[in-house]
Amino acid sequence: MIDPENSLSTRSFIARPTDHMGYSGIHVQLDGLPSHHLPLLLAAYQYKFRRDVEAMSRHLIDDVTVGWEELGTDLLDDAPPALVAALTGGEHWPSRTLDHLITPDGSPPARMSLTDVTVDTQDMQWGYVLHEEGIEVISLLHEYIGPVVDWAVDPRTAFNDHPAAWSSLDPVPVLRASRSAPPPSTPAASPARAGTPRPATRR
């Protein structure tokens, strides 16, 4: 179950892949752990965005003026009620942007975008890159690349939040696979798997 109070200060980003194995994305201020982001992102892809990764990327990356403060349960729109209840325990909170930020000189805040080249300067802890085949999870305390969680994985899967567990050389670190039957209209979940091996660095 997603805990909205579990990882309040954990900074992350949501990105799309670019040429030469890079990425370009947007800052998310709160709740950046895999146990929070992955269930929301998997369910959003499967239901709200109807398996359209480009539409999902536009919503999460392109349509944001400054950045995200947090991702909320509005990403579960159109998901079966049983799945929403399993993920949230009945709690609901909206996604919130950082458009309200006030700069010292009163000017509009700058867009909090980043790339694989600039991420080192922005104190990020986790990254989530939305590939066609799944979500690449990057533990930036350890690596600049990570394993890929297949889009078909059940959102109720429990994921490990330890930064060292998300090595690009290892399988996706699942604490507990969902034992529930997939909700109606959802393909059977495939096991979480690592993506195609990549070079050790994007740079």
N, C-alpha and C. Protein backbone atom coordinates (compact mmCIF):
# COMPACT_ATOMS: atom_id res chain seq x y z
N MET A 1 0.84 -1.19 0.00
CA MET A 1 0.00 0.00 0.00
C MET A 1 0.88 1.24 0.00
N ILE A 2 0.49 2.24 -0.77
CA ILE A 2 1.22 3.50 -0.82
C ILE A 2 1.02 4.26 0.48
N ASP A 3 2.10 4.72 1.07
CA ASP A 3 2.01 5.52 2.29
C ASP A 3 2.37 6.96 1.95
N PRO A 4 1.39 7.88 1.94
CA PRO A 4 1.69 9.26 1.56
C PRO A 4 2.59 9.98 2.53
N GLU A 5 2.81 9.40 3.72
CA GLU A 5 3.67 10.05 4.71
C GLU A 5 5.05 9.40 4.79
N ASN A 6 5.32 8.44 3.93
CA ASN A 6 6.50 7.60 4.12
C ASN A 6 7.80 8.23 3.68
N SER A 7 7.79 9.08 2.68
CA SER A 7 9.05 9.49 2.07
C SER A 7 9.02 10.97 1.68
N LEU A 8 8.54 11.80 2.59
CA LEU A 8 8.21 13.17 2.23
C LEU A 8 9.37 13.97 1.67
N SER A 9 10.59 13.73 2.10
CA SER A 9 11.69 14.57 1.66
C SER A 9 12.54 13.93 0.57
N THR A 10 12.06 12.86 -0.03
CA THR A 10 12.86 12.12 -1.02
C THR A 10 12.65 12.71 -2.41
N ARG A 11 13.67 13.38 -2.94
CA ARG A 11 13.57 14.05 -4.23
C ARG A 11 13.82 13.06 -5.38
N SER A 12 13.07 13.26 -6.46
CA SER A 12 13.19 12.36 -7.60
C SER A 12 12.88 13.13 -8.88
N PHE A 13 12.93 12.41 -9.99
CA PHE A 13 12.50 13.01 -11.25
C PHE A 13 11.77 11.98 -12.09
N ILE A 14 10.91 12.48 -12.97
CA ILE A 14 10.24 11.68 -13.98
C ILE A 14 10.79 12.15 -15.33
N ALA A 15 11.19 11.21 -16.18
CA ALA A 15 11.84 11.60 -17.44
C ALA A 15 11.43 10.68 -18.58
N ARG A 16 11.72 11.14 -19.79
CA ARG A 16 11.59 10.31 -20.98
C ARG A 16 13.00 10.10 -21.55
N PRO A 17 13.22 8.98 -22.22
CA PRO A 17 14.55 8.73 -22.80
C PRO A 17 14.82 9.66 -23.97
N THR A 18 16.10 9.99 -24.17
CA THR A 18 16.53 10.78 -25.32
C THR A 18 17.60 10.00 -26.07
N ASP A 19 18.17 10.63 -27.08
CA ASP A 19 19.20 9.96 -27.87
C ASP A 19 20.41 9.59 -27.02
N HIS A 20 21.12 8.58 -27.47
CA HIS A 20 22.38 8.15 -26.84
C HIS A 20 22.18 7.75 -25.38
N MET A 21 21.04 7.12 -25.11
CA MET A 21 20.74 6.57 -23.79
C MET A 21 20.63 7.64 -22.70
N GLY A 22 20.36 8.87 -23.08
CA GLY A 22 20.16 9.92 -22.10
C GLY A 22 18.69 10.03 -21.71
N TYR A 23 18.37 11.08 -20.97
CA TYR A 23 16.98 11.33 -20.59
C TYR A 23 16.79 12.81 -20.30
N SER A 24 15.54 13.23 -20.34
CA SER A 24 15.17 14.61 -20.05
C SER A 24 13.88 14.57 -19.25
N GLY A 25 13.85 15.30 -18.12
CA GLY A 25 12.68 15.17 -17.27
C GLY A 25 12.43 16.36 -16.38
N ILE A 26 11.62 16.10 -15.34
CA ILE A 26 11.13 17.16 -14.46
C ILE A 26 11.26 16.72 -13.00
N HIS A 27 11.51 17.68 -12.15
CA HIS A 27 11.72 17.48 -10.72
C HIS A 27 10.41 17.11 -10.01
N VAL A 28 10.50 16.16 -9.07
CA VAL A 28 9.40 15.84 -8.16
C VAL A 28 9.96 15.98 -6.74
N GLN A 29 9.39 16.87 -5.96
CA GLN A 29 9.98 17.24 -4.68
C GLN A 29 9.81 16.18 -3.59
N LEU A 30 8.64 15.54 -3.53
CA LEU A 30 8.32 14.68 -2.39
C LEU A 30 8.04 13.24 -2.81
N ASP A 31 8.14 12.35 -1.83
CA ASP A 31 7.66 10.96 -1.97
C ASP A 31 8.33 10.19 -3.09
N GLY A 32 9.64 10.29 -3.23
CA GLY A 32 10.30 9.73 -4.40
C GLY A 32 10.69 8.27 -4.34
N LEU A 33 10.38 7.56 -3.27
CA LEU A 33 10.79 6.16 -3.15
C LEU A 33 10.04 5.25 -4.13
N PRO A 34 10.67 4.15 -4.54
CA PRO A 34 9.99 3.22 -5.44
C PRO A 34 8.64 2.72 -4.92
N SER A 35 8.53 2.49 -3.62
CA SER A 35 7.27 1.97 -3.07
C SER A 35 6.13 2.97 -3.22
N HIS A 36 6.45 4.23 -3.42
CA HIS A 36 5.42 5.24 -3.65
C HIS A 36 5.19 5.48 -5.14
N HIS A 37 6.26 5.74 -5.87
CA HIS A 37 6.11 6.13 -7.28
C HIS A 37 5.70 4.98 -8.18
N LEU A 38 6.29 3.81 -8.01
CA LEU A 38 6.03 2.73 -8.96
C LEU A 38 4.56 2.29 -9.00
N PRO A 39 3.89 2.08 -7.87
CA PRO A 39 2.47 1.72 -7.97
C PRO A 39 1.64 2.78 -8.70
N LEU A 40 1.89 4.06 -8.42
CA LEU A 40 1.15 5.12 -9.09
C LEU A 40 1.44 5.13 -10.59
N LEU A 41 2.71 5.02 -10.96
CA LEU A 41 3.07 5.10 -12.37
C LEU A 41 2.58 3.88 -13.15
N LEU A 42 2.71 2.70 -12.56
CA LEU A 42 2.24 1.50 -13.24
C LEU A 42 0.72 1.54 -13.45
N ALA A 43 -0.01 1.91 -12.41
CA ALA A 43 -1.46 1.98 -12.53
C ALA A 43 -1.89 3.09 -13.49
N ALA A 44 -1.19 4.22 -13.45
CA ALA A 44 -1.52 5.32 -14.36
C ALA A 44 -1.36 4.89 -15.81
N TYR A 45 -0.28 4.20 -16.10
CA TYR A 45 -0.06 3.71 -17.47
C TYR A 45 -1.15 2.73 -17.88
N GLN A 46 -1.48 1.80 -17.01
CA GLN A 46 -2.42 0.74 -17.35
C GLN A 46 -3.86 1.23 -17.49
N TYR A 47 -4.22 2.29 -16.77
CA TYR A 47 -5.63 2.71 -16.76
C TYR A 47 -5.82 4.15 -17.23
N LYS A 48 -5.33 5.13 -16.49
CA LYS A 48 -5.58 6.54 -16.83
C LYS A 48 -5.10 6.88 -18.24
N PHE A 49 -3.92 6.39 -18.61
CA PHE A 49 -3.35 6.73 -19.92
C PHE A 49 -3.51 5.60 -20.94
N ARG A 50 -4.20 4.54 -20.57
CA ARG A 50 -4.57 3.47 -21.50
C ARG A 50 -3.36 2.94 -22.29
N ARG A 51 -2.28 2.75 -21.58
CA ARG A 51 -1.05 2.16 -22.12
C ARG A 51 -0.40 3.01 -23.21
N ASP A 52 -0.58 4.30 -23.10
CA ASP A 52 0.03 5.24 -24.04
C ASP A 52 1.14 5.98 -23.30
N VAL A 53 2.38 5.52 -23.46
CA VAL A 53 3.48 6.09 -22.69
C VAL A 53 3.77 7.53 -23.11
N GLU A 54 3.49 7.87 -24.36
CA GLU A 54 3.73 9.24 -24.80
C GLU A 54 2.72 10.20 -24.18
N ALA A 55 1.46 9.80 -24.10
CA ALA A 55 0.46 10.64 -23.44
C ALA A 55 0.80 10.81 -21.96
N MET A 56 1.27 9.75 -21.35
CA MET A 56 1.67 9.81 -19.95
C MET A 56 2.86 10.75 -19.76
N SER A 57 3.82 10.67 -20.66
CA SER A 57 4.99 11.54 -20.59
C SER A 57 4.62 13.00 -20.78
N ARG A 58 3.71 13.27 -21.70
CA ARG A 58 3.28 14.66 -21.90
C ARG A 58 2.65 15.21 -20.63
N HIS A 59 1.80 14.42 -19.99
CA HIS A 59 1.12 14.88 -18.78
C HIS A 59 2.11 15.11 -17.64
N LEU A 60 3.01 14.17 -17.44
CA LEU A 60 3.90 14.23 -16.28
C LEU A 60 5.11 15.13 -16.49
N ILE A 61 5.52 15.33 -17.73
CA ILE A 61 6.76 16.07 -17.99
C ILE A 61 6.50 17.37 -18.73
N ASP A 62 5.83 17.30 -19.87
CA ASP A 62 5.70 18.48 -20.74
C ASP A 62 4.69 19.50 -20.23
N ASP A 63 3.62 19.03 -19.61
CA ASP A 63 2.51 19.92 -19.26
C ASP A 63 2.69 20.59 -17.90
N VAL A 64 3.85 20.44 -17.29
CA VAL A 64 4.11 21.02 -15.97
C VAL A 64 4.92 22.30 -16.15
N THR A 65 4.46 23.39 -15.56
CA THR A 65 5.12 24.67 -15.75
C THR A 65 6.45 24.76 -15.01
N VAL A 66 6.47 24.36 -13.75
CA VAL A 66 7.68 24.47 -12.93
C VAL A 66 8.20 23.09 -12.54
N GLY A 67 7.40 22.31 -11.86
CA GLY A 67 7.78 20.98 -11.42
C GLY A 67 6.66 20.43 -10.55
N TRP A 68 6.85 19.20 -10.09
CA TRP A 68 5.86 18.58 -9.22
C TRP A 68 6.28 18.70 -7.76
N GLU A 69 5.31 19.03 -6.91
CA GLU A 69 5.56 18.92 -5.48
C GLU A 69 5.37 17.46 -5.05
N GLU A 70 4.29 16.85 -5.51
CA GLU A 70 4.08 15.43 -5.25
C GLU A 70 3.12 14.85 -6.28
N LEU A 71 3.22 13.54 -6.47
CA LEU A 71 2.30 12.81 -7.32
C LEU A 71 1.19 12.23 -6.45
N GLY A 72 -0.05 12.35 -6.92
CA GLY A 72 -1.18 11.96 -6.09
C GLY A 72 -2.05 10.88 -6.70
N THR A 73 -3.13 10.60 -6.01
CA THR A 73 -4.00 9.50 -6.40
C THR A 73 -4.89 9.82 -7.60
N ASP A 74 -4.85 11.06 -8.09
CA ASP A 74 -5.54 11.34 -9.36
C ASP A 74 -4.91 10.53 -10.50
N LEU A 75 -3.69 10.06 -10.32
CA LEU A 75 -3.08 9.19 -11.32
C LEU A 75 -3.75 7.82 -11.38
N LEU A 76 -4.59 7.53 -10.39
CA LEU A 76 -5.32 6.26 -10.37
C LEU A 76 -6.71 6.38 -11.00
N ASP A 77 -7.01 7.52 -11.60
CA ASP A 77 -8.31 7.68 -12.27
C ASP A 77 -8.52 6.55 -13.27
N ASP A 78 -9.72 6.02 -13.28
CA ASP A 78 -10.15 4.93 -14.18
C ASP A 78 -9.63 3.56 -13.77
N ALA A 79 -8.84 3.48 -12.71
CA ALA A 79 -8.43 2.16 -12.20
C ALA A 79 -9.60 1.53 -11.45
N PRO A 80 -9.68 0.20 -11.42
CA PRO A 80 -10.76 -0.46 -10.68
C PRO A 80 -10.75 -0.07 -9.21
N PRO A 81 -11.92 0.13 -8.61
CA PRO A 81 -11.99 0.53 -7.20
C PRO A 81 -11.21 -0.40 -6.27
N ALA A 82 -11.23 -1.70 -6.56
CA ALA A 82 -10.51 -2.64 -5.69
C ALA A 82 -9.00 -2.38 -5.73
N LEU A 83 -8.49 -2.04 -6.91
CA LEU A 83 -7.07 -1.73 -7.02
C LEU A 83 -6.74 -0.44 -6.29
N VAL A 84 -7.57 0.58 -6.48
CA VAL A 84 -7.34 1.86 -5.80
C VAL A 84 -7.35 1.66 -4.28
N ALA A 85 -8.29 0.89 -3.79
CA ALA A 85 -8.36 0.64 -2.35
C ALA A 85 -7.14 -0.12 -1.86
N ALA A 86 -6.68 -1.08 -2.65
CA ALA A 86 -5.51 -1.86 -2.25
C ALA A 86 -4.26 -0.98 -2.20
N LEU A 87 -4.17 -0.02 -3.11
CA LEU A 87 -2.98 0.84 -3.16
C LEU A 87 -3.02 1.96 -2.14
N THR A 88 -4.19 2.47 -1.83
CA THR A 88 -4.28 3.68 -1.01
C THR A 88 -4.88 3.47 0.37
N GLY A 89 -5.53 2.32 0.59
CA GLY A 89 -6.20 2.11 1.87
C GLY A 89 -7.32 3.10 2.12
N GLY A 90 -7.86 3.66 1.04
CA GLY A 90 -8.94 4.63 1.17
C GLY A 90 -8.49 6.07 1.26
N GLU A 91 -7.18 6.30 1.34
CA GLU A 91 -6.66 7.67 1.37
C GLU A 91 -6.62 8.24 -0.05
N HIS A 92 -6.88 9.55 -0.17
CA HIS A 92 -6.80 10.21 -1.47
C HIS A 92 -6.11 11.55 -1.30
N TRP A 93 -5.20 11.86 -2.20
CA TRP A 93 -4.52 13.15 -2.18
C TRP A 93 -4.21 13.54 -3.62
N PRO A 94 -4.31 14.81 -3.95
CA PRO A 94 -4.11 15.23 -5.33
C PRO A 94 -2.64 15.40 -5.68
N SER A 95 -2.32 15.24 -6.95
CA SER A 95 -1.01 15.67 -7.43
C SER A 95 -0.93 17.19 -7.30
N ARG A 96 0.23 17.67 -6.88
CA ARG A 96 0.40 19.12 -6.70
C ARG A 96 1.66 19.58 -7.42
N THR A 97 1.56 20.72 -8.08
CA THR A 97 2.72 21.28 -8.77
C THR A 97 3.41 22.32 -7.89
N LEU A 98 4.54 22.80 -8.37
CA LEU A 98 5.32 23.82 -7.65
C LEU A 98 5.11 25.21 -8.24
N ASP A 99 3.99 25.40 -8.91
CA ASP A 99 3.72 26.69 -9.55
C ASP A 99 3.60 27.83 -8.55
N HIS A 100 3.35 27.50 -7.28
CA HIS A 100 3.14 28.53 -6.26
C HIS A 100 4.44 29.08 -5.69
N LEU A 101 5.59 28.58 -6.12
CA LEU A 101 6.86 29.03 -5.57
C LEU A 101 7.04 30.53 -5.78
N ILE A 102 7.63 31.18 -4.79
CA ILE A 102 7.92 32.62 -4.87
C ILE A 102 9.43 32.81 -4.84
N THR A 103 9.97 33.48 -5.84
CA THR A 103 11.40 33.73 -5.90
C THR A 103 11.75 34.99 -5.12
N PRO A 104 13.01 35.14 -4.69
CA PRO A 104 13.39 36.31 -3.89
C PRO A 104 13.09 37.65 -4.56
N ASP A 105 13.22 37.70 -5.90
CA ASP A 105 12.98 38.97 -6.59
C ASP A 105 11.57 39.08 -7.16
N GLY A 106 10.74 38.09 -6.87
CA GLY A 106 9.36 38.14 -7.33
C GLY A 106 9.15 37.69 -8.76
N SER A 107 10.20 37.28 -9.44
CA SER A 107 10.06 36.83 -10.82
C SER A 107 9.47 35.43 -10.85
N PRO A 108 8.89 35.02 -11.97
CA PRO A 108 8.33 33.67 -12.05
C PRO A 108 9.42 32.62 -11.82
N PRO A 109 9.10 31.54 -11.12
CA PRO A 109 10.10 30.49 -10.89
C PRO A 109 10.49 29.81 -12.19
N ALA A 110 11.74 29.40 -12.27
CA ALA A 110 12.23 28.70 -13.46
C ALA A 110 11.72 27.26 -13.47
N ARG A 111 11.53 26.75 -14.65
CA ARG A 111 11.13 25.35 -14.79
C ARG A 111 12.24 24.45 -14.25
N MET A 112 11.88 23.46 -13.45
CA MET A 112 12.84 22.60 -12.77
C MET A 112 13.09 21.34 -13.59
N SER A 113 13.61 21.56 -14.78
CA SER A 113 13.91 20.44 -15.68
C SER A 113 15.32 19.94 -15.44
N LEU A 114 15.60 18.75 -15.93
CA LEU A 114 16.93 18.18 -15.79
C LEU A 114 17.17 17.17 -16.90
N THR A 115 18.43 16.83 -17.08
CA THR A 115 18.82 15.80 -18.03
C THR A 115 19.85 14.89 -17.37
N ASP A 116 20.25 13.86 -18.09
CA ASP A 116 21.29 12.98 -17.55
C ASP A 116 22.60 13.72 -17.36
N VAL A 117 22.80 14.83 -18.05
CA VAL A 117 24.03 15.62 -17.91
C VAL A 117 23.97 16.53 -16.69
N THR A 118 22.80 17.08 -16.39
CA THR A 118 22.68 18.07 -15.30
C THR A 118 22.23 17.47 -13.97
N VAL A 119 21.84 16.21 -13.95
CA VAL A 119 21.23 15.64 -12.75
C VAL A 119 22.16 15.68 -11.54
N ASP A 120 23.47 15.60 -11.77
CA ASP A 120 24.42 15.61 -10.65
C ASP A 120 24.36 16.90 -9.84
N THR A 121 23.94 17.98 -10.46
CA THR A 121 23.94 19.28 -9.78
C THR A 121 22.63 19.55 -9.05
N GLN A 122 21.67 18.62 -9.10
CA GLN A 122 20.33 18.91 -8.60
C GLN A 122 19.92 18.06 -7.41
N ASP A 123 20.85 17.35 -6.82
CA ASP A 123 20.62 16.66 -5.56
C ASP A 123 19.43 15.70 -5.62
N MET A 124 19.33 14.97 -6.71
CA MET A 124 18.27 13.98 -6.86
C MET A 124 18.69 12.67 -6.19
N GLN A 125 17.70 11.92 -5.70
CA GLN A 125 17.96 10.63 -5.09
C GLN A 125 17.48 9.45 -5.95
N TRP A 126 16.37 9.66 -6.65
CA TRP A 126 15.80 8.61 -7.49
C TRP A 126 15.35 9.20 -8.83
N GLY A 127 15.42 8.37 -9.86
CA GLY A 127 14.92 8.76 -11.17
C GLY A 127 14.04 7.67 -11.76
N TYR A 128 13.02 8.10 -12.52
CA TYR A 128 12.08 7.17 -13.15
C TYR A 128 11.95 7.58 -14.62
N VAL A 129 12.53 6.77 -15.50
CA VAL A 129 12.55 7.07 -16.92
C VAL A 129 11.51 6.20 -17.62
N LEU A 130 10.59 6.85 -18.34
CA LEU A 130 9.44 6.16 -18.93
C LEU A 130 9.78 5.66 -20.33
N HIS A 131 10.27 4.43 -20.41
CA HIS A 131 10.59 3.80 -21.69
C HIS A 131 9.36 3.12 -22.27
N GLU A 132 9.43 2.75 -23.53
CA GLU A 132 8.34 2.01 -24.15
C GLU A 132 8.11 0.67 -23.46
N GLU A 133 9.19 0.04 -22.98
CA GLU A 133 9.07 -1.29 -22.39
C GLU A 133 8.80 -1.27 -20.89
N GLY A 134 8.98 -0.13 -20.24
CA GLY A 134 8.76 -0.08 -18.80
C GLY A 134 9.44 1.12 -18.17
N ILE A 135 9.50 1.12 -16.85
CA ILE A 135 10.05 2.23 -16.09
C ILE A 135 11.46 1.88 -15.63
N GLU A 136 12.43 2.63 -16.10
CA GLU A 136 13.79 2.46 -15.60
C GLU A 136 13.90 3.19 -14.26
N VAL A 137 14.30 2.47 -13.23
CA VAL A 137 14.43 3.05 -11.89
C VAL A 137 15.91 3.25 -11.60
N ILE A 138 16.29 4.50 -11.38
CA ILE A 138 17.69 4.84 -11.16
C ILE A 138 17.90 5.27 -9.72
N SER A 139 18.73 4.56 -9.01
CA SER A 139 19.13 4.94 -7.66
C SER A 139 20.39 5.78 -7.78
N LEU A 140 20.22 7.09 -7.77
CA LEU A 140 21.32 7.99 -8.11
C LEU A 140 22.42 8.03 -7.06
N LEU A 141 22.17 7.48 -5.90
CA LEU A 141 23.23 7.38 -4.90
C LEU A 141 24.25 6.31 -5.28
N HIS A 142 23.88 5.44 -6.24
CA HIS A 142 24.74 4.32 -6.59
C HIS A 142 25.10 4.24 -8.07
N GLU A 143 24.17 4.61 -8.96
CA GLU A 143 24.40 4.41 -10.39
C GLU A 143 23.69 5.49 -11.19
N TYR A 144 24.06 5.58 -12.47
CA TYR A 144 23.38 6.50 -13.38
C TYR A 144 22.41 5.78 -14.30
N ILE A 145 22.29 4.47 -14.15
CA ILE A 145 21.31 3.68 -14.89
C ILE A 145 20.68 2.71 -13.91
N GLY A 146 19.62 2.03 -14.34
CA GLY A 146 18.97 1.11 -13.43
C GLY A 146 18.18 0.05 -14.16
N PRO A 147 17.62 -0.90 -13.42
CA PRO A 147 16.78 -1.94 -14.02
C PRO A 147 15.45 -1.35 -14.48
N VAL A 148 14.79 -2.07 -15.37
CA VAL A 148 13.52 -1.63 -15.93
C VAL A 148 12.38 -2.49 -15.38
N VAL A 149 11.37 -1.84 -14.83
CA VAL A 149 10.17 -2.52 -14.35
C VAL A 149 9.17 -2.57 -15.50
N ASP A 150 8.81 -3.77 -15.92
CA ASP A 150 7.89 -3.94 -17.05
C ASP A 150 6.55 -3.26 -16.76
N TRP A 151 5.98 -2.63 -17.78
CA TRP A 151 4.70 -1.94 -17.61
C TRP A 151 3.57 -2.89 -17.19
N ALA A 152 3.72 -4.18 -17.45
CA ALA A 152 2.65 -5.14 -17.13
C ALA A 152 2.68 -5.61 -15.69
N VAL A 153 3.69 -5.21 -14.92
CA VAL A 153 3.76 -5.64 -13.52
C VAL A 153 2.56 -5.11 -12.74
N ASP A 154 2.03 -5.94 -11.87
CA ASP A 154 0.88 -5.56 -11.04
C ASP A 154 1.27 -4.39 -10.14
N PRO A 155 0.50 -3.30 -10.14
CA PRO A 155 0.84 -2.15 -9.29
C PRO A 155 0.85 -2.47 -7.80
N ARG A 156 0.23 -3.57 -7.40
CA ARG A 156 0.21 -3.94 -5.98
C ARG A 156 1.48 -4.64 -5.53
N THR A 157 2.41 -4.85 -6.43
CA THR A 157 3.70 -5.44 -6.08
C THR A 157 4.43 -4.54 -5.08
N ALA A 158 5.04 -5.15 -4.08
CA ALA A 158 5.81 -4.40 -3.08
C ALA A 158 7.27 -4.32 -3.52
N PHE A 159 7.79 -3.10 -3.65
CA PHE A 159 9.15 -2.90 -4.13
C PHE A 159 10.08 -2.48 -2.99
N ASN A 160 11.32 -2.88 -3.13
CA ASN A 160 12.36 -2.54 -2.15
C ASN A 160 12.74 -1.06 -2.30
N ASP A 161 12.86 -0.36 -1.19
CA ASP A 161 13.23 1.06 -1.21
C ASP A 161 14.71 1.30 -0.90
N HIS A 162 15.48 0.25 -0.69
CA HIS A 162 16.89 0.46 -0.35
C HIS A 162 17.66 0.87 -1.60
N PRO A 163 18.37 1.99 -1.56
CA PRO A 163 19.06 2.47 -2.77
C PRO A 163 20.02 1.45 -3.38
N ALA A 164 20.69 0.66 -2.55
CA ALA A 164 21.68 -0.28 -3.07
C ALA A 164 21.03 -1.47 -3.78
N ALA A 165 19.73 -1.66 -3.60
CA ALA A 165 19.06 -2.82 -4.20
C ALA A 165 18.81 -2.65 -5.69
N TRP A 166 18.84 -1.40 -6.18
CA TRP A 166 18.44 -1.13 -7.56
C TRP A 166 19.65 -1.05 -8.49
N SER A 167 20.36 -2.16 -8.60
CA SER A 167 21.51 -2.23 -9.49
C SER A 167 21.05 -2.58 -10.91
N SER A 168 21.68 -1.96 -11.88
CA SER A 168 21.36 -2.26 -13.28
C SER A 168 21.74 -3.68 -13.66
N LEU A 169 22.56 -4.33 -12.85
CA LEU A 169 23.02 -5.69 -13.15
C LEU A 169 22.15 -6.77 -12.51
N ASP A 170 21.21 -6.36 -11.66
CA ASP A 170 20.40 -7.32 -10.91
C ASP A 170 18.93 -7.24 -11.33
N PRO A 171 18.15 -8.27 -11.00
CA PRO A 171 16.70 -8.19 -11.25
C PRO A 171 16.07 -7.08 -10.42
N VAL A 172 14.90 -6.65 -10.84
CA VAL A 172 14.15 -5.65 -10.08
C VAL A 172 13.90 -6.18 -8.67
N PRO A 173 14.23 -5.40 -7.64
CA PRO A 173 14.12 -5.88 -6.26
C PRO A 173 12.69 -5.84 -5.72
N VAL A 174 12.01 -6.95 -5.84
CA VAL A 174 10.64 -7.07 -5.36
C VAL A 174 10.65 -7.69 -3.97
N LEU A 175 9.98 -7.04 -3.03
CA LEU A 175 9.85 -7.60 -1.69
C LEU A 175 8.75 -8.65 -1.64
N ARG A 176 7.67 -8.36 -2.37
CA ARG A 176 6.52 -9.28 -2.36
C ARG A 176 5.72 -9.06 -3.62
N ALA A 177 5.59 -10.11 -4.41
CA ALA A 177 4.74 -10.02 -5.60
C ALA A 177 3.28 -10.07 -5.18
N SER A 178 2.43 -9.41 -5.94
CA SER A 178 1.01 -9.43 -5.62
C SER A 178 0.45 -10.82 -5.80
N ARG A 179 -0.33 -11.27 -4.82
CA ARG A 179 -1.00 -12.57 -4.92
C ARG A 179 -2.45 -12.43 -5.36
N SER A 180 -2.87 -11.20 -5.55
CA SER A 180 -4.26 -10.97 -5.95
C SER A 180 -4.42 -11.20 -7.44
N ALA A 181 -5.62 -11.58 -7.83
CA ALA A 181 -5.90 -11.70 -9.25
C ALA A 181 -5.89 -10.31 -9.86
N PRO A 182 -5.39 -10.16 -11.09
CA PRO A 182 -5.40 -8.85 -11.73
C PRO A 182 -6.82 -8.32 -11.84
N PRO A 183 -7.03 -7.01 -11.68
CA PRO A 183 -8.36 -6.44 -11.85
C PRO A 183 -8.88 -6.70 -13.25
N PRO A 184 -10.20 -6.68 -13.43
CA PRO A 184 -10.77 -6.89 -14.76
C PRO A 184 -10.19 -5.92 -15.78
N SER A 185 -10.02 -6.39 -17.00
CA SER A 185 -9.52 -5.62 -18.14
C SER A 185 -8.03 -5.37 -18.08
N THR A 186 -7.35 -5.96 -17.10
CA THR A 186 -5.90 -5.80 -17.01
C THR A 186 -5.22 -7.09 -17.41
N PRO A 187 -4.21 -7.07 -18.29
CA PRO A 187 -3.48 -8.29 -18.60
C PRO A 187 -2.81 -8.84 -17.36
N ALA A 188 -2.60 -10.13 -17.34
CA ALA A 188 -1.91 -10.73 -16.20
C ALA A 188 -0.55 -10.09 -16.03
N ALA A 189 -0.20 -9.82 -14.79
CA ALA A 189 1.07 -9.16 -14.52
C ALA A 189 2.22 -10.10 -14.81
N SER A 190 3.23 -9.58 -15.47
CA SER A 190 4.43 -10.37 -15.67
C SER A 190 5.39 -10.10 -14.53
N PRO A 191 6.31 -11.02 -14.26
CA PRO A 191 7.26 -10.77 -13.18
C PRO A 191 8.08 -9.53 -13.46
N ALA A 192 8.41 -8.79 -12.41
CA ALA A 192 9.30 -7.65 -12.58
C ALA A 192 10.62 -8.15 -13.13
N ARG A 193 11.15 -7.43 -14.11
CA ARG A 193 12.37 -7.92 -14.73
C ARG A 193 13.30 -6.76 -15.02
N ALA A 194 14.55 -7.07 -15.14
CA ALA A 194 15.51 -6.05 -15.55
C ALA A 194 15.42 -5.88 -17.05
N GLY A 195 15.72 -4.68 -17.52
CA GLY A 195 15.67 -4.42 -18.94
C GLY A 195 16.93 -4.88 -19.64
N THR A 196 17.06 -4.50 -20.89
CA THR A 196 18.23 -4.85 -21.68
C THR A 196 19.48 -4.29 -21.03
N PRO A 197 20.53 -5.09 -20.88
CA PRO A 197 21.74 -4.57 -20.25
C PRO A 197 22.25 -3.35 -20.98
N ARG A 198 22.78 -2.40 -20.22
CA ARG A 198 23.28 -1.15 -20.76
C ARG A 198 24.73 -0.96 -20.36
N PRO A 199 25.44 -0.09 -21.06
CA PRO A 199 26.79 0.26 -20.60
C PRO A 199 26.73 0.83 -19.20
N ALA A 200 27.85 0.86 -18.52
CA ALA A 200 27.88 1.24 -17.11
C ALA A 200 27.62 2.71 -16.88
N THR A 201 27.66 3.52 -17.90
CA THR A 201 27.42 4.95 -17.70
C THR A 201 26.77 5.54 -18.93
N ARG A 202 26.01 6.61 -18.72
CA ARG A 202 25.40 7.31 -19.84
C ARG A 202 26.34 8.36 -20.41
N ARG A 203 27.38 8.68 -19.68
CA ARG A 203 28.22 9.80 -20.09
C ARG A 203 29.32 9.35 -21.04
